[in-house]
């Protein structure tokens, strides 16, 4: 099986997983934001801001990952389907998720033991939000590394970074 076939099959799987986990993250962060806004039961303004930021990054990831997946599937020959287009999107998204994950980790102190803590309301949801944020970051890291590898191969072959992820 050639590399092009691996990319044809692997791209939808990786982007589908990123989209799926981002939808889960969207649901959790939207629910927490709703609860915090309606009941004002957040432990600090920092926590509320970071949950809301995670909501934004989830929406960003769902919308743009869906667009990249759709363009890849129809193979529109668009610059977005290129190695460089993927790299720019994934790098910016990687930074956004790293910031969201690190900020949540800092606010929650790494993780919360729901049996012993009394500070955070919605303890289980916050733990899930944190876990899924790091899972998404890891998936994007893997995808970014694979795109970098494909970019290096494309550059060595003489196609440059504007070359497609798969051979035309």
N, C-alpha and C. Protein backbone atom coordinates (compact mmCIF):
# COMPACT_ATOMS: atom_id res chain seq x y z
N UNK A 1 0.85 -1.17 0.00
CA UNK A 1 0.00 0.00 0.00
C UNK A 1 0.90 1.24 0.00
N UNK A 2 0.72 2.10 -0.99
CA UNK A 2 1.53 3.29 -1.13
C UNK A 2 1.14 4.36 -0.11
N UNK A 3 2.03 5.33 0.03
CA UNK A 3 1.80 6.41 0.99
C UNK A 3 0.55 7.20 0.64
N UNK A 4 0.29 7.39 -0.65
CA UNK A 4 -0.91 8.12 -1.06
C UNK A 4 -2.18 7.43 -0.58
N UNK A 5 -2.20 6.10 -0.64
CA UNK A 5 -3.38 5.36 -0.15
C UNK A 5 -3.52 5.48 1.37
N UNK A 6 -2.39 5.49 2.07
CA UNK A 6 -2.43 5.66 3.53
C UNK A 6 -2.99 7.04 3.87
N UNK A 7 -2.54 8.06 3.14
CA UNK A 7 -3.03 9.42 3.39
C UNK A 7 -4.51 9.52 3.03
N UNK A 8 -4.93 8.91 1.91
CA UNK A 8 -6.35 8.95 1.52
C UNK A 8 -7.25 8.36 2.60
N UNK A 9 -6.78 7.30 3.25
CA UNK A 9 -7.58 6.65 4.30
C UNK A 9 -7.36 7.28 5.67
N UNK A 10 -6.13 7.70 5.95
CA UNK A 10 -5.80 8.21 7.28
C UNK A 10 -6.28 9.63 7.53
N UNK A 11 -6.27 10.47 6.51
CA UNK A 11 -6.70 11.86 6.67
C UNK A 11 -8.12 11.95 7.19
N UNK A 12 -9.10 11.27 6.56
CA UNK A 12 -10.47 11.34 7.10
C UNK A 12 -10.60 10.76 8.50
N UNK A 13 -9.80 9.74 8.81
CA UNK A 13 -9.87 9.13 10.13
C UNK A 13 -9.35 10.12 11.19
N UNK A 14 -8.17 10.70 10.94
CA UNK A 14 -7.60 11.65 11.91
C UNK A 14 -8.48 12.90 12.05
N UNK A 15 -8.89 13.48 10.94
CA UNK A 15 -9.72 14.67 11.02
C UNK A 15 -11.10 14.34 11.60
N UNK A 16 -11.62 13.15 11.31
CA UNK A 16 -12.89 12.74 11.90
C UNK A 16 -12.78 12.60 13.41
N UNK A 17 -11.66 12.05 13.88
CA UNK A 17 -11.45 11.93 15.34
C UNK A 17 -11.31 13.31 15.98
N UNK A 18 -10.58 14.20 15.32
CA UNK A 18 -10.44 15.56 15.85
C UNK A 18 -11.80 16.24 15.93
N UNK A 19 -12.60 16.09 14.89
CA UNK A 19 -13.94 16.70 14.88
C UNK A 19 -14.82 16.08 15.96
N UNK A 20 -14.80 14.76 16.07
CA UNK A 20 -15.63 14.07 17.08
C UNK A 20 -15.28 14.53 18.49
N UNK A 21 -14.01 14.53 18.83
CA UNK A 21 -13.61 14.95 20.18
C UNK A 21 -13.86 16.44 20.40
N UNK A 22 -13.76 17.23 19.35
CA UNK A 22 -14.06 18.66 19.48
C UNK A 22 -15.55 18.89 19.72
N UNK A 23 -16.40 18.06 19.12
CA UNK A 23 -17.84 18.15 19.38
C UNK A 23 -18.14 17.81 20.83
N UNK A 24 -17.47 16.78 21.35
CA UNK A 24 -17.63 16.43 22.76
C UNK A 24 -17.17 17.58 23.64
N UNK A 25 -16.01 18.16 23.30
CA UNK A 25 -15.48 19.30 24.07
C UNK A 25 -16.43 20.49 23.98
N UNK A 26 -17.00 20.71 22.80
CA UNK A 26 -17.97 21.78 22.61
C UNK A 26 -19.17 21.59 23.53
N UNK A 27 -19.68 20.38 23.59
CA UNK A 27 -20.85 20.11 24.43
C UNK A 27 -20.55 20.37 25.91
N UNK A 28 -19.41 19.88 26.37
CA UNK A 28 -19.07 20.06 27.78
C UNK A 28 -18.83 21.53 28.10
N UNK A 29 -18.05 22.21 27.27
CA UNK A 29 -17.73 23.61 27.56
C UNK A 29 -18.95 24.51 27.40
N UNK A 30 -19.83 24.21 26.45
CA UNK A 30 -21.06 25.00 26.30
C UNK A 30 -21.97 24.81 27.51
N UNK A 31 -22.08 23.57 27.99
CA UNK A 31 -22.92 23.31 29.16
C UNK A 31 -22.35 24.02 30.39
N UNK A 32 -21.03 23.92 30.58
CA UNK A 32 -20.41 24.60 31.73
C UNK A 32 -20.58 26.11 31.63
N UNK A 33 -20.37 26.67 30.45
CA UNK A 33 -20.55 28.11 30.27
C UNK A 33 -21.97 28.52 30.57
N UNK A 34 -22.92 27.73 30.12
CA UNK A 34 -24.34 28.00 30.39
C UNK A 34 -24.63 27.97 31.89
N UNK A 35 -24.10 26.96 32.56
CA UNK A 35 -24.31 26.84 34.00
C UNK A 35 -23.68 28.01 34.76
N UNK A 36 -22.46 28.34 34.37
CA UNK A 36 -21.77 29.44 35.04
C UNK A 36 -22.48 30.77 34.81
N UNK A 37 -22.98 30.99 33.60
CA UNK A 37 -23.65 32.25 33.30
C UNK A 37 -25.02 32.36 33.96
N UNK A 38 -25.73 31.24 34.07
CA UNK A 38 -27.08 31.32 34.64
C UNK A 38 -27.10 31.22 36.16
N UNK A 39 -26.15 30.49 36.75
CA UNK A 39 -26.16 30.30 38.21
C UNK A 39 -25.05 31.06 38.92
N UNK A 40 -24.11 31.61 38.17
CA UNK A 40 -22.97 32.34 38.75
C UNK A 40 -22.26 31.52 39.82
N UNK A 41 -22.08 30.22 39.53
CA UNK A 41 -21.47 29.32 40.51
C UNK A 41 -20.04 28.91 40.15
N UNK A 42 -19.35 29.73 39.38
CA UNK A 42 -17.96 29.44 39.06
C UNK A 42 -17.09 29.84 40.25
N UNK A 43 -16.00 29.14 40.43
CA UNK A 43 -15.15 29.40 41.60
C UNK A 43 -14.31 30.67 41.41
N UNK A 44 -14.04 31.04 40.16
CA UNK A 44 -13.30 32.27 39.88
C UNK A 44 -13.61 32.73 38.46
N UNK A 45 -13.39 34.01 38.23
CA UNK A 45 -13.57 34.54 36.88
C UNK A 45 -12.60 33.92 35.90
N UNK A 46 -11.44 33.54 36.39
CA UNK A 46 -10.43 32.90 35.55
C UNK A 46 -10.95 31.58 35.02
N UNK A 47 -11.56 30.78 35.87
CA UNK A 47 -12.11 29.49 35.44
C UNK A 47 -13.17 29.71 34.37
N UNK A 48 -14.07 30.63 34.61
CA UNK A 48 -15.14 30.91 33.64
C UNK A 48 -14.56 31.35 32.30
N UNK A 49 -13.56 32.21 32.32
CA UNK A 49 -12.93 32.70 31.09
C UNK A 49 -12.25 31.57 30.33
N UNK A 50 -11.61 30.68 31.05
CA UNK A 50 -10.89 29.58 30.40
C UNK A 50 -11.84 28.53 29.84
N UNK A 51 -12.95 28.31 30.49
CA UNK A 51 -13.96 27.41 29.94
C UNK A 51 -14.57 28.02 28.68
N UNK A 52 -14.81 29.32 28.71
CA UNK A 52 -15.36 30.01 27.54
C UNK A 52 -14.35 30.00 26.39
N UNK A 53 -13.08 30.17 26.69
CA UNK A 53 -12.04 30.09 25.66
C UNK A 53 -12.01 28.70 25.03
N UNK A 54 -12.17 27.67 25.85
CA UNK A 54 -12.21 26.31 25.34
C UNK A 54 -13.42 26.12 24.42
N UNK A 55 -14.52 26.75 24.75
CA UNK A 55 -15.70 26.72 23.87
C UNK A 55 -15.36 27.33 22.51
N UNK A 56 -14.69 28.48 22.51
CA UNK A 56 -14.28 29.11 21.26
C UNK A 56 -13.37 28.20 20.43
N UNK A 57 -12.35 27.61 21.08
CA UNK A 57 -11.40 26.77 20.36
C UNK A 57 -12.10 25.53 19.81
N UNK A 58 -13.09 25.02 20.51
CA UNK A 58 -13.85 23.87 20.02
C UNK A 58 -14.60 24.24 18.74
N UNK A 59 -15.25 25.38 18.75
CA UNK A 59 -15.98 25.82 17.55
C UNK A 59 -15.01 26.04 16.39
N UNK A 60 -13.90 26.72 16.66
CA UNK A 60 -12.86 26.95 15.65
C UNK A 60 -12.44 25.62 15.02
N UNK A 61 -12.16 24.63 15.84
CA UNK A 61 -11.66 23.35 15.37
C UNK A 61 -12.72 22.61 14.56
N UNK A 62 -13.95 22.60 15.03
CA UNK A 62 -15.01 21.90 14.31
C UNK A 62 -15.23 22.51 12.93
N UNK A 63 -15.36 23.82 12.88
CA UNK A 63 -15.66 24.50 11.61
C UNK A 63 -14.51 24.31 10.62
N UNK A 64 -13.30 24.63 11.04
CA UNK A 64 -12.18 24.58 10.10
C UNK A 64 -11.74 23.15 9.77
N UNK A 65 -11.79 22.25 10.72
CA UNK A 65 -11.45 20.86 10.41
C UNK A 65 -12.46 20.25 9.45
N UNK A 66 -13.72 20.60 9.62
CA UNK A 66 -14.75 20.11 8.68
C UNK A 66 -14.49 20.66 7.28
N UNK A 67 -14.10 21.93 7.20
CA UNK A 67 -13.80 22.52 5.89
C UNK A 67 -12.60 21.83 5.24
N UNK A 68 -11.54 21.61 6.01
CA UNK A 68 -10.37 20.94 5.46
C UNK A 68 -10.69 19.50 5.06
N UNK A 69 -11.47 18.82 5.86
CA UNK A 69 -11.86 17.45 5.52
C UNK A 69 -12.70 17.43 4.24
N UNK A 70 -13.66 18.35 4.15
CA UNK A 70 -14.50 18.41 2.95
C UNK A 70 -13.69 18.72 1.71
N UNK A 71 -12.78 19.69 1.79
CA UNK A 71 -11.93 20.01 0.64
C UNK A 71 -11.03 18.85 0.27
N UNK A 72 -10.53 18.14 1.26
CA UNK A 72 -9.68 16.99 0.97
C UNK A 72 -10.48 15.89 0.27
N UNK A 73 -11.71 15.67 0.73
CA UNK A 73 -12.51 14.59 0.15
C UNK A 73 -12.94 14.88 -1.28
N UNK A 74 -13.21 16.15 -1.60
CA UNK A 74 -13.58 16.47 -2.98
C UNK A 74 -12.34 16.76 -3.82
N UNK A 75 -11.17 16.84 -3.15
CA UNK A 75 -9.90 17.07 -3.82
C UNK A 75 -10.01 18.23 -4.81
N UNK A 76 -10.43 19.35 -4.29
CA UNK A 76 -10.71 20.52 -5.11
C UNK A 76 -9.47 21.15 -5.71
N UNK A 77 -8.30 20.69 -5.38
CA UNK A 77 -7.08 21.30 -5.89
C UNK A 77 -6.82 22.67 -5.31
N UNK A 78 -7.52 22.97 -4.25
CA UNK A 78 -7.40 24.26 -3.57
C UNK A 78 -6.08 24.32 -2.81
N UNK A 79 -5.60 25.52 -2.57
CA UNK A 79 -4.37 25.69 -1.81
C UNK A 79 -4.52 25.15 -0.39
N UNK A 80 -5.74 25.08 0.13
CA UNK A 80 -5.97 24.55 1.48
C UNK A 80 -5.68 23.06 1.57
N UNK A 81 -5.77 22.37 0.44
CA UNK A 81 -5.51 20.93 0.44
C UNK A 81 -4.01 20.67 0.38
N UNK A 82 -3.23 21.72 0.19
CA UNK A 82 -1.78 21.56 0.10
C UNK A 82 -1.18 21.27 1.47
N UNK A 83 0.07 20.86 1.42
CA UNK A 83 0.81 20.61 2.65
C UNK A 83 0.90 21.89 3.48
N UNK A 84 1.19 23.00 2.81
CA UNK A 84 1.34 24.28 3.52
C UNK A 84 0.01 24.73 4.14
N UNK A 85 -1.09 24.58 3.41
CA UNK A 85 -2.40 24.94 3.94
C UNK A 85 -2.73 24.16 5.20
N UNK A 86 -2.47 22.85 5.15
CA UNK A 86 -2.71 22.01 6.32
C UNK A 86 -1.79 22.40 7.47
N UNK A 87 -0.52 22.65 7.13
CA UNK A 87 0.43 22.99 8.19
C UNK A 87 0.02 24.27 8.92
N UNK A 88 -0.34 25.31 8.18
CA UNK A 88 -0.70 26.59 8.81
C UNK A 88 -1.92 26.40 9.70
N UNK A 89 -2.97 25.75 9.17
CA UNK A 89 -4.17 25.52 9.98
C UNK A 89 -3.84 24.70 11.22
N UNK A 90 -3.13 23.59 11.06
CA UNK A 90 -2.84 22.71 12.19
C UNK A 90 -1.92 23.38 13.22
N UNK A 91 -0.96 24.18 12.75
CA UNK A 91 -0.06 24.85 13.69
C UNK A 91 -0.81 25.87 14.54
N UNK A 92 -1.66 26.67 13.90
CA UNK A 92 -2.44 27.66 14.66
C UNK A 92 -3.38 26.95 15.63
N UNK A 93 -4.03 25.89 15.17
CA UNK A 93 -4.95 25.13 16.02
C UNK A 93 -4.19 24.44 17.15
N UNK A 94 -3.00 23.96 16.86
CA UNK A 94 -2.16 23.33 17.89
C UNK A 94 -1.84 24.33 19.00
N UNK A 95 -1.49 25.56 18.62
CA UNK A 95 -1.20 26.61 19.60
C UNK A 95 -2.45 26.92 20.44
N UNK A 96 -3.61 27.04 19.78
CA UNK A 96 -4.85 27.35 20.49
C UNK A 96 -5.19 26.25 21.50
N UNK A 97 -5.05 24.98 21.10
CA UNK A 97 -5.36 23.89 22.02
C UNK A 97 -4.32 23.76 23.13
N UNK A 98 -3.07 24.04 22.82
CA UNK A 98 -2.06 24.01 23.88
C UNK A 98 -2.37 25.08 24.92
N UNK A 99 -2.75 26.26 24.46
CA UNK A 99 -3.11 27.33 25.40
C UNK A 99 -4.34 26.96 26.22
N UNK A 100 -5.35 26.39 25.58
CA UNK A 100 -6.57 26.00 26.30
C UNK A 100 -6.27 24.91 27.33
N UNK A 101 -5.54 23.89 26.92
CA UNK A 101 -5.22 22.78 27.82
C UNK A 101 -4.36 23.22 28.98
N UNK A 102 -3.34 24.01 28.68
CA UNK A 102 -2.44 24.47 29.74
C UNK A 102 -3.17 25.41 30.70
N UNK A 103 -4.02 26.28 30.17
CA UNK A 103 -4.75 27.21 31.04
C UNK A 103 -5.70 26.45 31.96
N UNK A 104 -6.41 25.46 31.41
CA UNK A 104 -7.30 24.65 32.26
C UNK A 104 -6.51 23.87 33.30
N UNK A 105 -5.39 23.31 32.89
CA UNK A 105 -4.55 22.56 33.82
C UNK A 105 -4.06 23.46 34.95
N UNK A 106 -3.64 24.67 34.60
CA UNK A 106 -3.18 25.61 35.61
C UNK A 106 -4.30 25.98 36.58
N UNK A 107 -5.48 26.25 36.04
CA UNK A 107 -6.61 26.65 36.88
C UNK A 107 -7.05 25.52 37.82
N UNK A 108 -7.06 24.29 37.29
CA UNK A 108 -7.55 23.16 38.08
C UNK A 108 -6.45 22.50 38.90
N UNK A 109 -5.23 22.92 38.72
CA UNK A 109 -4.14 22.32 39.47
C UNK A 109 -3.76 20.94 38.95
N UNK A 110 -3.95 20.69 37.71
CA UNK A 110 -3.60 19.40 37.11
C UNK A 110 -4.81 18.54 36.90
N UNK A 111 -5.46 18.19 37.96
CA UNK A 111 -6.71 17.43 37.91
C UNK A 111 -7.40 17.61 39.25
N UNK A 112 -8.64 17.24 39.30
CA UNK A 112 -9.40 17.43 40.53
C UNK A 112 -9.83 16.06 41.05
N UNK A 113 -9.61 15.81 42.33
CA UNK A 113 -10.15 14.62 42.96
C UNK A 113 -11.53 15.00 43.48
N UNK A 114 -12.54 14.57 42.77
CA UNK A 114 -13.91 14.99 43.09
C UNK A 114 -14.38 14.50 44.45
N UNK A 115 -13.76 13.45 44.97
CA UNK A 115 -14.17 12.92 46.27
C UNK A 115 -13.68 13.78 47.42
N UNK A 116 -12.61 14.54 47.21
CA UNK A 116 -12.04 15.28 48.33
C UNK A 116 -12.10 16.80 48.20
N UNK A 117 -12.51 17.31 47.05
CA UNK A 117 -12.50 18.76 46.86
C UNK A 117 -13.87 19.36 47.15
N UNK A 118 -13.86 20.63 47.52
CA UNK A 118 -15.11 21.33 47.76
C UNK A 118 -15.12 22.72 47.10
N UNK A 119 -14.12 23.01 46.27
CA UNK A 119 -13.99 24.33 45.67
C UNK A 119 -14.74 24.41 44.34
N UNK A 120 -14.57 23.41 43.50
CA UNK A 120 -15.11 23.46 42.15
C UNK A 120 -16.49 22.84 42.06
N UNK A 121 -17.42 23.60 41.48
CA UNK A 121 -18.73 23.06 41.17
C UNK A 121 -18.58 22.35 39.82
N UNK A 122 -19.32 21.29 39.58
CA UNK A 122 -19.26 20.52 38.33
C UNK A 122 -17.88 19.89 38.15
N UNK A 123 -17.40 19.24 39.18
CA UNK A 123 -16.06 18.66 39.22
C UNK A 123 -15.84 17.65 38.09
N UNK A 124 -16.74 16.73 37.92
CA UNK A 124 -16.59 15.70 36.88
C UNK A 124 -16.53 16.30 35.48
N UNK A 125 -17.36 17.29 35.22
CA UNK A 125 -17.37 17.93 33.91
C UNK A 125 -16.06 18.67 33.65
N UNK A 126 -15.52 19.30 34.68
CA UNK A 126 -14.24 20.00 34.53
C UNK A 126 -13.10 19.01 34.25
N UNK A 127 -13.12 17.87 34.92
CA UNK A 127 -12.12 16.84 34.64
C UNK A 127 -12.23 16.34 33.21
N UNK A 128 -13.47 16.13 32.74
CA UNK A 128 -13.69 15.68 31.36
C UNK A 128 -13.23 16.74 30.37
N UNK A 129 -13.54 18.00 30.67
CA UNK A 129 -13.12 19.10 29.80
C UNK A 129 -11.61 19.12 29.66
N UNK A 130 -10.92 18.97 30.76
CA UNK A 130 -9.46 18.96 30.76
C UNK A 130 -8.92 17.76 29.98
N UNK A 131 -9.47 16.59 30.22
CA UNK A 131 -8.99 15.38 29.54
C UNK A 131 -9.18 15.47 28.04
N UNK A 132 -10.36 15.88 27.60
CA UNK A 132 -10.62 15.96 26.17
C UNK A 132 -9.78 17.05 25.51
N UNK A 133 -9.48 18.13 26.23
CA UNK A 133 -8.62 19.17 25.67
C UNK A 133 -7.23 18.61 25.37
N UNK A 134 -6.69 17.82 26.28
CA UNK A 134 -5.37 17.24 26.05
C UNK A 134 -5.42 16.15 24.98
N UNK A 135 -6.51 15.41 24.88
CA UNK A 135 -6.66 14.40 23.83
C UNK A 135 -6.67 15.07 22.46
N UNK A 136 -7.42 16.15 22.33
CA UNK A 136 -7.48 16.87 21.05
C UNK A 136 -6.11 17.43 20.71
N UNK A 137 -5.43 18.01 21.69
CA UNK A 137 -4.09 18.53 21.46
C UNK A 137 -3.16 17.41 20.96
N UNK A 138 -3.25 16.23 21.55
CA UNK A 138 -2.41 15.11 21.12
C UNK A 138 -2.74 14.68 19.70
N UNK A 139 -4.02 14.61 19.35
CA UNK A 139 -4.42 14.25 17.99
C UNK A 139 -3.90 15.28 16.97
N UNK A 140 -3.98 16.54 17.32
CA UNK A 140 -3.50 17.58 16.41
C UNK A 140 -1.98 17.51 16.31
N UNK A 141 -1.30 17.19 17.40
CA UNK A 141 0.15 17.03 17.37
C UNK A 141 0.55 15.91 16.42
N UNK A 142 -0.11 14.79 16.51
CA UNK A 142 0.16 13.65 15.62
C UNK A 142 -0.08 14.04 14.17
N UNK A 143 -1.20 14.69 13.91
CA UNK A 143 -1.54 15.11 12.55
C UNK A 143 -0.52 16.11 12.03
N UNK A 144 -0.11 17.04 12.86
CA UNK A 144 0.88 18.04 12.47
C UNK A 144 2.21 17.39 12.12
N UNK A 145 2.64 16.44 12.90
CA UNK A 145 3.89 15.73 12.62
C UNK A 145 3.80 15.00 11.28
N UNK A 146 2.67 14.34 11.03
CA UNK A 146 2.50 13.63 9.77
C UNK A 146 2.50 14.58 8.57
N UNK A 147 1.88 15.74 8.73
CA UNK A 147 1.90 16.74 7.66
C UNK A 147 3.31 17.26 7.44
N UNK A 148 4.08 17.45 8.51
CA UNK A 148 5.47 17.88 8.37
C UNK A 148 6.30 16.83 7.62
N UNK A 149 6.08 15.58 7.95
CA UNK A 149 6.80 14.50 7.26
C UNK A 149 6.45 14.51 5.77
N UNK A 150 5.17 14.66 5.47
CA UNK A 150 4.74 14.70 4.07
C UNK A 150 5.29 15.96 3.38
N UNK A 151 5.38 17.07 4.08
CA UNK A 151 5.95 18.28 3.51
C UNK A 151 7.41 18.12 3.17
N UNK A 152 8.16 17.47 4.04
CA UNK A 152 9.58 17.22 3.78
C UNK A 152 9.73 16.32 2.56
N UNK A 153 8.90 15.28 2.48
CA UNK A 153 8.93 14.40 1.32
C UNK A 153 8.59 15.16 0.04
N UNK A 154 7.60 16.01 0.12
CA UNK A 154 7.17 16.79 -1.04
C UNK A 154 8.26 17.75 -1.49
N UNK A 155 8.93 18.39 -0.53
CA UNK A 155 10.01 19.32 -0.86
C UNK A 155 11.20 18.58 -1.48
N UNK A 156 11.53 17.42 -0.95
CA UNK A 156 12.64 16.63 -1.49
C UNK A 156 12.35 16.13 -2.89
N UNK A 157 11.07 15.88 -3.14
CA UNK A 157 10.66 15.40 -4.46
C UNK A 157 10.64 16.52 -5.49
N UNK A 158 10.64 17.76 -5.01
CA UNK A 158 10.65 18.90 -5.91
C UNK A 158 9.30 19.57 -6.09
N UNK A 159 8.28 19.12 -5.36
CA UNK A 159 6.94 19.70 -5.48
C UNK A 159 6.79 20.93 -4.61
N UNK A 160 7.65 21.12 -3.66
CA UNK A 160 7.54 22.25 -2.74
C UNK A 160 6.45 22.00 -1.71
N UNK A 161 6.24 22.99 -0.84
CA UNK A 161 5.27 22.83 0.23
C UNK A 161 3.85 23.13 -0.23
N UNK A 162 3.74 23.70 -1.43
CA UNK A 162 2.40 23.94 -1.96
C UNK A 162 1.87 22.70 -2.67
N UNK A 163 2.66 21.65 -2.70
CA UNK A 163 2.22 20.40 -3.30
C UNK A 163 1.12 19.77 -2.46
N UNK A 164 0.35 18.92 -3.08
CA UNK A 164 -0.76 18.28 -2.39
C UNK A 164 -0.29 17.22 -1.41
N UNK A 165 -1.19 16.86 -0.52
CA UNK A 165 -0.88 15.79 0.42
C UNK A 165 -0.76 14.46 -0.31
N UNK A 166 -1.50 14.32 -1.40
CA UNK A 166 -1.43 13.12 -2.22
C UNK A 166 -1.06 13.53 -3.64
N UNK A 167 -0.45 12.62 -4.36
CA UNK A 167 -0.03 12.90 -5.73
C UNK A 167 -1.28 13.06 -6.61
N UNK A 168 -1.21 14.01 -7.49
CA UNK A 168 -2.35 14.27 -8.38
C UNK A 168 -2.48 13.21 -9.44
